[in-house]
Amino acid sequence: MLRAAIPALVLLWLLCAASPQPQAPNQLPAQDLRSQLELARATLAAHAHDTRVRGVSVGELMARIDADLSQLGVSSAQSPGPDEASKELAARLDVSLVDQLLGSASPPPPGAGANEMLVPSTSAGSAQPVALYLPPSYARVRSAPLIIMLPNQGQSETQLIATPYMRALADETEAVFAVPFFGANAPFTGADGDAVYNVLDTLQASLHLDRRRVFLAGYSMGAFGIFMIAPQRPQSWTALLSIAGTLTNEDKTSVVSAMAGKQVFMVAGGDDAEVNASYVRAAVTYLSANGVEARYDEQPHGTHALESLRPAVERAWRAMLSGVRNVAPDSGFPSPQPTRTIHM
């Protein structure tokens, strides 16, 4: 959910081998996973006096583990949301994060599937968690496209990477999919660009990626964030994908100036009560009129929930990866409407 005010808004350790080798997912029985979560929480509790470990908030990590514990084994009928497999995957990645932050053993290199890793931050002694998904095809392709996606405010990188259809899209398009960690309660600002570009540079140095196909995407608050961050190094991005977010009046000039000639794919829910589809259509019209090739995809009856937007997201993702070029239809709205201070 968006918060009351809408602001406008990834070193992977060096790989031990040239290409990560496929690894079987760590499919722990729920009881064993619960034990691992409880151990991770106890380990964090023993470091509560530190407040932060390698720059990551201990309290925030404990809250994440507590949420995993409370949701483990809860049926979707009792608590609507991610399915059990997705919750278990996110929990396993959270345990891995705690182990890496506080454990003494060196983590293994990332393998096919979902991984959690630490990217050394630009701040001394700090690290930034990154959820990284390597499709099964990664081991056999010479270079893979890369999609870095910014999560919603309050959404962890492990929750977003655990979304089944996102990983299915990465498999289908043979794309590496990365989600950086950001503070749970902090809105995106231009300063977050340093973290995003640090992740981008690290992944490009460590993985075999196609630098001609590098995409920045965002969901909800993360979608607002891409319009703040992409203009800082526009040459780094092939195209942008905005899901349930939009361009604001504060960012429109820098986006048009920096992203001219590039593609921007924008997805909206027809029944989104938090980011009205008309605002997204207005942004598409404005971008199209100012030299940015923008494509609009509205999901009928889609809400702000990521799952409700699945068909439209799938269409936009595939079009973006395939290089399809489209001219956006005239929506009848002259310019973006939201501002960074608009209240929903």
Foldseek 3Di string as FASTA:
>chain_A
DDDFFAAFAALLPFAPDQFAAADDDPDDDLVVLLVLLVVLLVLLVVCVVVCDQQRHGSVQLNVVSVVLNVPAPPQCVRPPDDHNQLSSQLSVQSSVVSCCRPPDDDDHRDHAAWHWGWQNAPDPSHTWIKIKHQAPCQRPDQAAAEEEEEEDQQDANSNVSSPVVVNVLCNVLRHMYMYIGDDNHDQADLVCLRVHVSRVVSCVVRGRHDQLHYEYEYAASRLSHCLSNCLVPVSSHQEYEYHQYAYAPVRLVSCLVRQAPHEYEYEEEPAAPPRHVLLRLQRLQQSLVRRYQYAYFYQYRQYSDPVSRVVRVSVRSVCSSVVPGDHYDRPPHNHHDDHSGDGD
